[in-house]
């Protein structure tokens, strides 16, 4: 299967000791949907990021460098 662009929304809440805890990722149809959902959730979570990656979903092979569409709050270093 050919590579395709995947749009993902990732949110973070407080974990033990104040560490960030990732909630389950949410797949989105397109960049606009990912951005809208992230903007809506930003005031409710410690951190929110919407991003896209190139992936061969059949093989489970994802690009290591995401394209950030929206980010807010506290996030892991990989999203800096």
C-alpha atoms as a PDB file:
ATOM      1  CA  UNK A   1       0.000   0.000   0.000  1.00  0.00           C
ATOM      2  CA  UNK A   2       1.194   3.530  -0.743  1.00  0.00           C
ATOM      3  CA  UNK A   3       2.003   6.110   1.868  1.00  0.00           C
ATOM      4  CA  UNK A   4      -0.858   8.326   2.997  1.00  0.00           C
ATOM      5  CA  UNK A   5      -1.220  11.311   5.322  1.00  0.00           C
ATOM      6  CA  UNK A   6      -2.790  10.536   8.694  1.00  0.00           C
ATOM      7  CA  UNK A   7      -4.252  13.292  10.907  1.00  0.00           C
ATOM      8  CA  UNK A   8      -4.064  12.727  14.655  1.00  0.00           C
ATOM      9  CA  UNK A   9      -5.274  14.521  17.769  1.00  0.00           C
ATOM     10  CA  UNK A  10      -3.348  13.791  20.981  1.00  0.00           C
ATOM     11  CA  UNK A  11      -4.379  15.133  24.389  1.00  0.00           C
ATOM     12  CA  UNK A  12      -2.588  15.036  27.738  1.00  0.00           C
ATOM     13  CA  UNK A  13      -3.846  15.087  31.319  1.00  0.00           C
ATOM     14  CA  UNK A  14      -2.106  15.048  34.699  1.00  0.00           C
ATOM     15  CA  UNK A  15      -0.598  11.727  35.669  1.00  0.00           C
ATOM     16  CA  UNK A  16       1.212  10.631  38.802  1.00  0.00           C
ATOM     17  CA  UNK A  17       3.501  13.229  40.294  1.00  0.00           C
ATOM     18  CA  UNK A  18       2.305  15.883  37.853  1.00  0.00           C
ATOM     19  CA  UNK A  19       3.734  14.039  34.860  1.00  0.00           C
ATOM     20  CA  UNK A  20       1.900  14.214  31.552  1.00  0.00           C
ATOM     21  CA  UNK A  21      -0.265  11.229  30.732  1.00  0.00           C
ATOM     22  CA  UNK A  22      -1.331  10.719  27.132  1.00  0.00           C
ATOM     23  CA  UNK A  23      -4.967   9.968  26.452  1.00  0.00           C
ATOM     24  CA  UNK A  24      -5.832   7.697  23.508  1.00  0.00           C
ATOM     25  CA  UNK A  25      -5.089   9.257  20.119  1.00  0.00           C
ATOM     26  CA  UNK A  26      -8.007  10.259  17.923  1.00  0.00           C
ATOM     27  CA  UNK A  27      -7.784   9.889  14.153  1.00  0.00           C
ATOM     28  CA  UNK A  28      -9.323  12.682  12.077  1.00  0.00           C
ATOM     29  CA  UNK A  29     -10.474  12.887   8.439  1.00  0.00           C
ATOM     30  CA  UNK A  30      -8.426  15.963   7.547  1.00  0.00           C
ATOM     31  CA  UNK A  31      -6.271  18.780   8.923  1.00  0.00           C
ATOM     32  CA  UNK A  32      -9.220  21.093   9.535  1.00  0.00           C
ATOM     33  CA  UNK A  33     -11.086  18.539  11.656  1.00  0.00           C
ATOM     34  CA  UNK A  34      -7.942  17.821  13.703  1.00  0.00           C
ATOM     35  CA  UNK A  35      -7.336  21.547  14.280  1.00  0.00           C
ATOM     36  CA  UNK A  36     -10.972  22.248  15.251  1.00  0.00           C
ATOM     37  CA  UNK A  37     -11.073  19.404  17.769  1.00  0.00           C
ATOM     38  CA  UNK A  38      -7.733  20.455  19.258  1.00  0.00           C
ATOM     39  CA  UNK A  39      -8.868  24.070  19.653  1.00  0.00           C
ATOM     40  CA  UNK A  40     -12.074  22.907  21.341  1.00  0.00           C
ATOM     41  CA  UNK A  41     -10.227  20.628  23.795  1.00  0.00           C
ATOM     42  CA  UNK A  42      -7.333  23.010  24.589  1.00  0.00           C
ATOM     43  CA  UNK A  43      -9.041  24.718  27.574  1.00  0.00           C
ATOM     44  CA  UNK A  44     -10.014  21.323  29.041  1.00  0.00           C
ATOM     45  CA  UNK A  45      -6.649  19.490  28.959  1.00  0.00           C
ATOM     46  CA  UNK A  46      -3.087  20.159  30.179  1.00  0.00           C
ATOM     47  CA  UNK A  47      -1.834  19.779  26.626  1.00  0.00           C
ATOM     48  CA  UNK A  48      -3.267  19.272  23.167  1.00  0.00           C
ATOM     49  CA  UNK A  49      -1.583  18.724  19.827  1.00  0.00           C
ATOM     50  CA  UNK A  50      -2.989  18.061  16.371  1.00  0.00           C
ATOM     51  CA  UNK A  51      -0.522  16.789  13.813  1.00  0.00           C
ATOM     52  CA  UNK A  52      -0.159  14.918  10.561  1.00  0.00           C
ATOM     53  CA  UNK A  53       2.295  12.204   9.581  1.00  0.00           C
ATOM     54  CA  UNK A  54       2.976  10.214   6.465  1.00  0.00           C
ATOM     55  CA  UNK A  55       2.293   6.563   7.087  1.00  0.00           C
ATOM     56  CA  UNK A  56       1.912   3.177   5.516  1.00  0.00           C
ATOM     57  CA  UNK A  57      -0.887   2.086   7.836  1.00  0.00           C
ATOM     58  CA  UNK A  58      -0.923  -1.427   6.443  1.00  0.00           C
ATOM     59  CA  UNK A  59       2.670  -1.978   7.563  1.00  0.00           C
ATOM     60  CA  UNK A  60       2.412   0.244  10.644  1.00  0.00           C
ATOM     61  CA  UNK A  61       5.271   2.404   9.355  1.00  0.00           C
ATOM     62  CA  UNK A  62       4.953   6.050  10.454  1.00  0.00           C
ATOM     63  CA  UNK A  63       7.171   9.033   9.632  1.00  0.00           C
ATOM     64  CA  UNK A  64       9.144  10.109  12.705  1.00  0.00           C
ATOM     65  CA  UNK A  65       8.727  13.842  12.054  1.00  0.00           C
ATOM     66  CA  UNK A  66       5.132  15.037  12.503  1.00  0.00           C
ATOM     67  CA  UNK A  67       3.804  18.234  10.967  1.00  0.00           C
ATOM     68  CA  UNK A  68       2.213  20.247  13.782  1.00  0.00           C
ATOM     69  CA  UNK A  69      -1.213  21.685  12.910  1.00  0.00           C
ATOM     70  CA  UNK A  70      -2.078  23.077  16.374  1.00  0.00           C
ATOM     71  CA  UNK A  71      -0.569  22.867  19.842  1.00  0.00           C
ATOM     72  CA  UNK A  72      -1.389  24.324  23.237  1.00  0.00           C
ATOM     73  CA  UNK A  73      -0.402  23.781  26.854  1.00  0.00           C
ATOM     74  CA  UNK A  74       2.196  21.384  28.244  1.00  0.00           C
ATOM     75  CA  UNK A  75       3.494  18.856  25.750  1.00  0.00           C
ATOM     76  CA  UNK A  76       6.312  16.290  25.580  1.00  0.00           C
ATOM     77  CA  UNK A  77       9.620  17.507  24.138  1.00  0.00           C
ATOM     78  CA  UNK A  78       9.013  15.787  20.797  1.00  0.00           C
ATOM     79  CA  UNK A  79       6.406  18.463  19.991  1.00  0.00           C
ATOM     80  CA  UNK A  80       8.666  21.472  20.737  1.00  0.00           C
END
